[in-house]
Amino acid sequence: MIKFIFNTDFILNNKKEISNWLHSLADKEGFSIKNLHYNYVSAEKIQDVNQKFLNHDYPTDVITFDYCKNKELSGEVFVCQKVVEQNALDHSQTVENETLRVLCHALFHLCGYKDGSAEDLAVIRSAEDNAIASFQTTYK
């Protein structure tokens, strides 16, 4: 089950398509989704979560908490759409593509992808790019 929780004014208009896409990405990685919550929060809230759990005192776009067992994905994800929208501007991306990027980024972390090194970051970015392309061709 995928659940989207909106604690801000932002709402995803295509939750069903995004859920189907995330399920297909998990399947492709050899996982199933058991329980995945995407919490949309303010910049202040995500900064608080970032500081409390990661010791980083700034807002970020996405934070993922992994509760997975075996090949069943479970996790809690915090997304700050305000930061996502700023990142879209900074990286010359559409807001839709940047939104998709953070959603699949969280899922890929739950599948075991890392982003702590330049090499790891290149691998997860490539997976994100392929995932976004698949959404644009399959679900649009």
N, C-alpha and C. Protein backbone atom coordinates (compact mmCIF):
# COMPACT_ATOMS: atom_id res chain seq x y z
N MET A 1 0.83 -1.18 0.00
CA MET A 1 0.00 0.00 0.00
C MET A 1 0.88 1.25 0.00
N ILE A 2 0.53 2.17 -0.84
CA ILE A 2 1.19 3.47 -0.86
C ILE A 2 0.17 4.51 -0.41
N LYS A 3 0.59 5.34 0.52
CA LYS A 3 -0.29 6.39 1.02
C LYS A 3 0.42 7.73 0.90
N PHE A 4 -0.29 8.72 0.40
CA PHE A 4 0.21 10.08 0.31
C PHE A 4 -0.52 10.92 1.35
N ILE A 5 0.25 11.59 2.20
CA ILE A 5 -0.32 12.39 3.29
C ILE A 5 0.12 13.83 3.06
N PHE A 6 -0.83 14.72 2.98
CA PHE A 6 -0.53 16.11 2.64
C PHE A 6 -0.75 17.00 3.86
N ASN A 7 0.35 17.51 4.39
CA ASN A 7 0.32 18.44 5.51
C ASN A 7 0.64 19.86 5.06
N THR A 8 0.51 20.09 3.78
CA THR A 8 0.73 21.41 3.17
C THR A 8 -0.39 21.64 2.16
N ASP A 9 -0.30 22.73 1.43
CA ASP A 9 -1.30 23.03 0.40
C ASP A 9 -1.11 22.19 -0.85
N PHE A 10 0.06 21.57 -1.01
CA PHE A 10 0.35 20.79 -2.21
C PHE A 10 -0.45 19.49 -2.22
N ILE A 11 -0.95 19.13 -3.40
CA ILE A 11 -1.67 17.87 -3.62
C ILE A 11 -1.18 17.27 -4.93
N LEU A 12 -0.90 15.96 -4.93
CA LEU A 12 -0.59 15.25 -6.18
C LEU A 12 -1.91 15.00 -6.90
N ASN A 13 -1.98 15.39 -8.16
CA ASN A 13 -3.21 15.19 -8.92
C ASN A 13 -3.31 13.80 -9.53
N ASN A 14 -2.18 13.11 -9.65
CA ASN A 14 -2.16 11.82 -10.34
C ASN A 14 -1.63 10.71 -9.42
N LYS A 15 -2.20 10.62 -8.24
CA LYS A 15 -1.75 9.65 -7.23
C LYS A 15 -1.84 8.21 -7.74
N LYS A 16 -2.89 7.88 -8.45
CA LYS A 16 -3.07 6.50 -8.92
C LYS A 16 -1.96 6.13 -9.91
N GLU A 17 -1.68 7.00 -10.86
CA GLU A 17 -0.63 6.72 -11.83
C GLU A 17 0.73 6.63 -11.15
N ILE A 18 0.98 7.52 -10.21
CA ILE A 18 2.26 7.51 -9.49
C ILE A 18 2.38 6.24 -8.65
N SER A 19 1.32 5.84 -7.99
CA SER A 19 1.34 4.59 -7.22
C SER A 19 1.64 3.40 -8.12
N ASN A 20 0.96 3.32 -9.26
CA ASN A 20 1.21 2.23 -10.20
C ASN A 20 2.66 2.23 -10.67
N TRP A 21 3.18 3.41 -10.96
CA TRP A 21 4.57 3.56 -11.40
C TRP A 21 5.54 3.10 -10.31
N LEU A 22 5.31 3.52 -9.07
CA LEU A 22 6.18 3.11 -7.97
C LEU A 22 6.14 1.60 -7.76
N HIS A 23 4.96 1.01 -7.87
CA HIS A 23 4.85 -0.45 -7.76
C HIS A 23 5.65 -1.12 -8.88
N SER A 24 5.56 -0.58 -10.10
CA SER A 24 6.30 -1.18 -11.21
C SER A 24 7.81 -1.04 -11.01
N LEU A 25 8.26 0.08 -10.45
CA LEU A 25 9.69 0.26 -10.17
C LEU A 25 10.16 -0.74 -9.13
N ALA A 26 9.37 -0.93 -8.07
CA ALA A 26 9.72 -1.90 -7.04
C ALA A 26 9.79 -3.31 -7.63
N ASP A 27 8.80 -3.66 -8.45
CA ASP A 27 8.79 -4.98 -9.09
C ASP A 27 10.05 -5.19 -9.92
N LYS A 28 10.41 -4.18 -10.68
CA LYS A 28 11.59 -4.26 -11.55
C LYS A 28 12.86 -4.49 -10.73
N GLU A 29 12.89 -3.96 -9.50
CA GLU A 29 14.04 -4.12 -8.62
C GLU A 29 13.97 -5.43 -7.81
N GLY A 30 12.87 -6.20 -7.98
CA GLY A 30 12.73 -7.46 -7.27
C GLY A 30 12.10 -7.33 -5.89
N PHE A 31 11.35 -6.26 -5.67
CA PHE A 31 10.71 -5.99 -4.38
C PHE A 31 9.21 -5.82 -4.58
N SER A 32 8.47 -5.92 -3.47
CA SER A 32 7.06 -5.55 -3.46
C SER A 32 6.90 -4.47 -2.40
N ILE A 33 5.89 -3.65 -2.58
CA ILE A 33 5.62 -2.58 -1.61
C ILE A 33 4.58 -3.07 -0.62
N LYS A 34 4.97 -3.09 0.64
CA LYS A 34 4.05 -3.49 1.71
C LYS A 34 3.36 -2.27 2.30
N ASN A 35 4.16 -1.27 2.70
CA ASN A 35 3.60 -0.12 3.39
C ASN A 35 4.54 1.07 3.19
N LEU A 36 4.15 2.00 2.37
CA LEU A 36 4.99 3.15 2.04
C LEU A 36 4.17 4.42 2.18
N HIS A 37 4.60 5.30 3.09
CA HIS A 37 3.90 6.56 3.34
C HIS A 37 4.78 7.72 2.89
N TYR A 38 4.24 8.56 2.01
CA TYR A 38 4.88 9.80 1.58
C TYR A 38 4.19 10.94 2.30
N ASN A 39 4.91 11.59 3.22
CA ASN A 39 4.39 12.71 4.00
C ASN A 39 4.88 14.02 3.39
N TYR A 40 3.98 14.82 2.89
CA TYR A 40 4.34 16.14 2.36
C TYR A 40 4.29 17.13 3.51
N VAL A 41 5.43 17.76 3.77
CA VAL A 41 5.56 18.64 4.94
C VAL A 41 6.17 19.98 4.54
N SER A 42 6.11 20.91 5.48
CA SER A 42 6.68 22.25 5.28
C SER A 42 8.21 22.20 5.35
N ALA A 43 8.83 23.28 4.91
CA ALA A 43 10.29 23.41 5.01
C ALA A 43 10.74 23.36 6.47
N GLU A 44 9.96 23.96 7.34
CA GLU A 44 10.30 23.96 8.77
C GLU A 44 10.26 22.54 9.33
N LYS A 45 9.24 21.79 8.97
CA LYS A 45 9.10 20.42 9.48
C LYS A 45 10.22 19.52 8.97
N ILE A 46 10.53 19.61 7.67
CA ILE A 46 11.58 18.73 7.15
C ILE A 46 12.94 19.12 7.70
N GLN A 47 13.14 20.41 7.97
CA GLN A 47 14.39 20.84 8.60
C GLN A 47 14.48 20.25 10.01
N ASP A 48 13.38 20.25 10.72
CA ASP A 48 13.35 19.66 12.06
C ASP A 48 13.67 18.17 12.01
N VAL A 49 13.07 17.45 11.08
CA VAL A 49 13.34 16.01 10.91
C VAL A 49 14.80 15.80 10.53
N ASN A 50 15.29 16.62 9.61
CA ASN A 50 16.68 16.53 9.16
C ASN A 50 17.65 16.74 10.32
N GLN A 51 17.35 17.72 11.16
CA GLN A 51 18.22 18.03 12.29
C GLN A 51 18.14 16.92 13.35
N LYS A 52 16.94 16.49 13.64
CA LYS A 52 16.73 15.51 14.71
C LYS A 52 17.34 14.14 14.37
N PHE A 53 17.18 13.69 13.12
CA PHE A 53 17.58 12.34 12.78
C PHE A 53 18.90 12.26 12.00
N LEU A 54 19.27 13.32 11.28
CA LEU A 54 20.48 13.28 10.46
C LEU A 54 21.52 14.30 10.87
N ASN A 55 21.18 15.13 11.87
CA ASN A 55 22.09 16.15 12.38
C ASN A 55 22.50 17.17 11.31
N HIS A 56 21.55 17.46 10.39
CA HIS A 56 21.75 18.49 9.35
C HIS A 56 20.74 19.60 9.62
N ASP A 57 21.21 20.82 9.77
CA ASP A 57 20.33 21.91 10.14
C ASP A 57 19.92 22.75 8.93
N TYR A 58 19.21 22.12 8.00
CA TYR A 58 18.70 22.81 6.83
C TYR A 58 17.54 22.00 6.24
N PRO A 59 16.67 22.65 5.50
CA PRO A 59 15.60 21.91 4.83
C PRO A 59 16.18 21.15 3.64
N THR A 60 15.57 20.03 3.33
CA THR A 60 15.98 19.23 2.18
C THR A 60 14.74 18.78 1.44
N ASP A 61 14.91 18.17 0.29
CA ASP A 61 13.76 17.78 -0.51
C ASP A 61 13.09 16.50 -0.03
N VAL A 62 13.91 15.50 0.38
CA VAL A 62 13.33 14.21 0.75
C VAL A 62 14.20 13.52 1.80
N ILE A 63 13.54 12.88 2.75
CA ILE A 63 14.19 12.06 3.77
C ILE A 63 13.41 10.75 3.84
N THR A 64 14.15 9.64 3.85
CA THR A 64 13.54 8.32 3.84
C THR A 64 13.93 7.53 5.08
N PHE A 65 12.93 6.94 5.74
CA PHE A 65 13.17 6.04 6.86
C PHE A 65 12.79 4.63 6.42
N ASP A 66 13.74 3.73 6.53
CA ASP A 66 13.64 2.36 6.02
C ASP A 66 13.15 1.41 7.12
N TYR A 67 11.99 0.78 6.87
CA TYR A 67 11.45 -0.23 7.77
C TYR A 67 11.27 -1.56 7.04
N CYS A 68 12.07 -1.79 6.01
CA CYS A 68 11.93 -2.95 5.13
C CYS A 68 12.32 -4.24 5.83
N LYS A 69 11.67 -5.30 5.41
CA LYS A 69 12.02 -6.66 5.82
C LYS A 69 12.05 -7.51 4.56
N ASN A 70 13.19 -8.16 4.36
CA ASN A 70 13.38 -9.02 3.20
C ASN A 70 13.12 -8.24 1.91
N LYS A 71 12.25 -8.73 1.08
CA LYS A 71 11.97 -8.08 -0.20
C LYS A 71 10.67 -7.28 -0.18
N GLU A 72 10.17 -6.98 1.03
CA GLU A 72 8.97 -6.17 1.18
C GLU A 72 9.36 -4.77 1.62
N LEU A 73 9.03 -3.79 0.79
CA LEU A 73 9.38 -2.41 1.09
C LEU A 73 8.38 -1.79 2.05
N SER A 74 8.91 -1.24 3.13
CA SER A 74 8.13 -0.45 4.07
C SER A 74 8.97 0.74 4.46
N GLY A 75 8.36 1.89 4.49
CA GLY A 75 9.11 3.07 4.87
C GLY A 75 8.22 4.27 5.03
N GLU A 76 8.83 5.26 5.65
CA GLU A 76 8.18 6.55 5.82
C GLU A 76 9.07 7.59 5.14
N VAL A 77 8.46 8.37 4.27
CA VAL A 77 9.19 9.35 3.48
C VAL A 77 8.63 10.73 3.78
N PHE A 78 9.52 11.69 4.00
CA PHE A 78 9.13 13.08 4.17
C PHE A 78 9.58 13.85 2.95
N VAL A 79 8.66 14.60 2.35
CA VAL A 79 8.94 15.37 1.14
C VAL A 79 8.57 16.82 1.41
N CYS A 80 9.47 17.72 1.03
CA CYS A 80 9.17 19.15 1.09
C CYS A 80 9.04 19.66 -0.34
N GLN A 81 7.81 19.86 -0.78
CA GLN A 81 7.55 20.28 -2.15
C GLN A 81 8.16 21.64 -2.44
N LYS A 82 8.23 22.51 -1.44
CA LYS A 82 8.85 23.83 -1.65
C LYS A 82 10.30 23.68 -2.08
N VAL A 83 11.04 22.77 -1.45
CA VAL A 83 12.43 22.53 -1.83
C VAL A 83 12.50 21.82 -3.18
N VAL A 84 11.57 20.90 -3.42
CA VAL A 84 11.51 20.22 -4.72
C VAL A 84 11.34 21.25 -5.84
N GLU A 85 10.45 22.20 -5.65
CA GLU A 85 10.20 23.22 -6.68
C GLU A 85 11.42 24.11 -6.88
N GLN A 86 12.13 24.45 -5.81
CA GLN A 86 13.36 25.23 -5.94
C GLN A 86 14.44 24.43 -6.67
N ASN A 87 14.53 23.14 -6.36
CA ASN A 87 15.50 22.29 -7.05
C ASN A 87 15.18 22.18 -8.54
N ALA A 88 13.90 22.14 -8.88
CA ALA A 88 13.51 22.10 -10.29
C ALA A 88 14.04 23.33 -11.01
N LEU A 89 13.88 24.50 -10.40
CA LEU A 89 14.41 25.74 -10.98
C LEU A 89 15.94 25.69 -11.09
N ASP A 90 16.59 25.27 -10.01
CA ASP A 90 18.06 25.24 -9.97
C ASP A 90 18.66 24.29 -10.99
N HIS A 91 17.93 23.21 -11.30
CA HIS A 91 18.46 22.18 -12.21
C HIS A 91 17.78 22.18 -13.57
N SER A 92 17.03 23.25 -13.87
CA SER A 92 16.33 23.39 -15.16
C SER A 92 15.47 22.17 -15.49
N GLN A 93 14.71 21.75 -14.49
CA GLN A 93 13.79 20.62 -14.65
C GLN A 93 12.37 21.11 -14.49
N THR A 94 11.42 20.32 -14.97
CA THR A 94 10.03 20.63 -14.68
C THR A 94 9.75 20.24 -13.23
N VAL A 95 8.77 20.87 -12.63
CA VAL A 95 8.38 20.51 -11.26
C VAL A 95 7.89 19.07 -11.23
N GLU A 96 7.17 18.66 -12.28
CA GLU A 96 6.69 17.27 -12.33
C GLU A 96 7.86 16.30 -12.31
N ASN A 97 8.87 16.52 -13.13
CA ASN A 97 10.01 15.60 -13.16
C ASN A 97 10.77 15.59 -11.85
N GLU A 98 10.92 16.75 -11.23
CA GLU A 98 11.63 16.80 -9.96
C GLU A 98 10.82 16.13 -8.85
N THR A 99 9.50 16.26 -8.91
CA THR A 99 8.63 15.57 -7.96
C THR A 99 8.78 14.05 -8.14
N LEU A 100 8.73 13.60 -9.37
CA LEU A 100 8.92 12.17 -9.65
C LEU A 100 10.29 11.70 -9.16
N ARG A 101 11.31 12.55 -9.34
CA ARG A 101 12.66 12.19 -8.93
C ARG A 101 12.72 11.89 -7.42
N VAL A 102 12.14 12.76 -6.60
CA VAL A 102 12.25 12.52 -5.15
C VAL A 102 11.42 11.31 -4.73
N LEU A 103 10.29 11.08 -5.40
CA LEU A 103 9.47 9.92 -5.05
C LEU A 103 10.20 8.62 -5.35
N CYS A 104 10.81 8.54 -6.54
CA CYS A 104 11.54 7.31 -6.86
C CYS A 104 12.88 7.24 -6.13
N HIS A 105 13.48 8.38 -5.83
CA HIS A 105 14.73 8.40 -5.06
C HIS A 105 14.51 7.69 -3.71
N ALA A 106 13.43 8.03 -3.04
CA ALA A 106 13.10 7.40 -1.77
C ALA A 106 12.91 5.89 -1.95
N LEU A 107 12.17 5.51 -2.96
CA LEU A 107 11.93 4.10 -3.22
C LEU A 107 13.25 3.37 -3.50
N PHE A 108 14.12 3.98 -4.30
CA PHE A 108 15.40 3.33 -4.60
C PHE A 108 16.26 3.18 -3.36
N HIS A 109 16.20 4.14 -2.44
CA HIS A 109 16.92 3.97 -1.17
C HIS A 109 16.41 2.72 -0.44
N LEU A 110 15.10 2.53 -0.44
CA LEU A 110 14.53 1.36 0.22
C LEU A 110 14.93 0.06 -0.47
N CYS A 111 15.26 0.15 -1.76
CA CYS A 111 15.73 -1.01 -2.51
C CYS A 111 17.23 -1.25 -2.32
N GLY A 112 17.89 -0.36 -1.59
CA GLY A 112 19.30 -0.57 -1.30
C GLY A 112 20.27 0.37 -1.98
N TYR A 113 19.77 1.26 -2.83
CA TYR A 113 20.65 2.23 -3.48
C TYR A 113 21.19 3.21 -2.44
N LYS A 114 22.40 3.64 -2.64
CA LYS A 114 23.05 4.62 -1.77
C LYS A 114 23.34 5.88 -2.58
N ASP A 115 23.68 6.97 -1.88
CA ASP A 115 24.07 8.20 -2.57
C ASP A 115 25.15 8.95 -1.82
N GLY A 116 25.92 8.22 -1.01
CA GLY A 116 26.94 8.86 -0.17
C GLY A 116 28.23 9.18 -0.88
N SER A 117 28.49 8.55 -2.01
CA SER A 117 29.71 8.83 -2.78
C SER A 117 29.32 9.28 -4.18
N ALA A 118 30.27 9.85 -4.89
CA ALA A 118 30.01 10.31 -6.26
C ALA A 118 29.60 9.13 -7.14
N GLU A 119 30.24 8.00 -6.94
CA GLU A 119 29.92 6.80 -7.73
C GLU A 119 28.50 6.31 -7.43
N ASP A 120 28.15 6.24 -6.14
CA ASP A 120 26.80 5.83 -5.75
C ASP A 120 25.76 6.81 -6.26
N LEU A 121 26.07 8.09 -6.18
CA LEU A 121 25.14 9.11 -6.66
C LEU A 121 24.89 8.98 -8.15
N ALA A 122 25.93 8.69 -8.91
CA ALA A 122 25.77 8.50 -10.37
C ALA A 122 24.85 7.31 -10.66
N VAL A 123 24.97 6.25 -9.88
CA VAL A 123 24.13 5.07 -10.09
C VAL A 123 22.67 5.37 -9.78
N ILE A 124 22.40 6.02 -8.65
CA ILE A 124 21.00 6.31 -8.30
C ILE A 124 20.42 7.36 -9.24
N ARG A 125 21.20 8.33 -9.68
CA ARG A 125 20.71 9.34 -10.64
C ARG A 125 20.32 8.69 -11.96
N SER A 126 21.12 7.74 -12.42
CA SER A 126 20.80 7.03 -13.65
C SER A 126 19.49 6.26 -13.50
N ALA A 127 19.31 5.59 -12.36
CA ALA A 127 18.06 4.86 -12.10
C ALA A 127 16.88 5.83 -12.07
N GLU A 128 17.07 6.99 -11.45
CA GLU A 128 16.00 8.01 -11.40
C GLU A 128 15.65 8.49 -12.80
N ASP A 129 16.66 8.80 -13.60
CA ASP A 129 16.42 9.28 -14.97
C ASP A 129 15.64 8.25 -15.78
N ASN A 130 16.03 6.98 -15.67
CA ASN A 130 15.32 5.91 -16.38
C ASN A 130 13.89 5.78 -15.87
N ALA A 131 13.70 5.90 -14.56
CA ALA A 131 12.36 5.80 -13.98
C ALA A 131 11.46 6.94 -14.44
N ILE A 132 12.00 8.15 -14.46
CA ILE A 132 11.21 9.32 -14.91
C ILE A 132 10.82 9.14 -16.38
N ALA A 133 11.76 8.69 -17.19
CA ALA A 133 11.46 8.44 -18.61
C ALA A 133 10.36 7.39 -18.75
N SER A 134 10.40 6.36 -17.92
CA SER A 134 9.36 5.32 -18.00
C SER A 134 8.00 5.88 -17.60
N PHE A 135 7.96 6.76 -16.60
CA PHE A 135 6.70 7.39 -16.22
C PHE A 135 6.15 8.22 -17.38
N GLN A 136 7.02 9.02 -17.98
CA GLN A 136 6.59 9.92 -19.06
C GLN A 136 6.08 9.16 -20.28
N THR A 137 6.63 7.98 -20.54
CA THR A 137 6.18 7.22 -21.71
C THR A 137 5.03 6.28 -21.41
N THR A 138 4.90 5.82 -20.17
CA THR A 138 3.88 4.81 -19.84
C THR A 138 2.64 5.40 -19.20
N TYR A 139 2.79 6.42 -18.38
CA TYR A 139 1.67 6.90 -17.58
C TYR A 139 1.14 8.26 -18.00
N LYS A 140 1.65 8.83 -19.06
CA LYS A 140 1.17 10.15 -19.53
C LYS A 140 0.18 9.98 -20.65
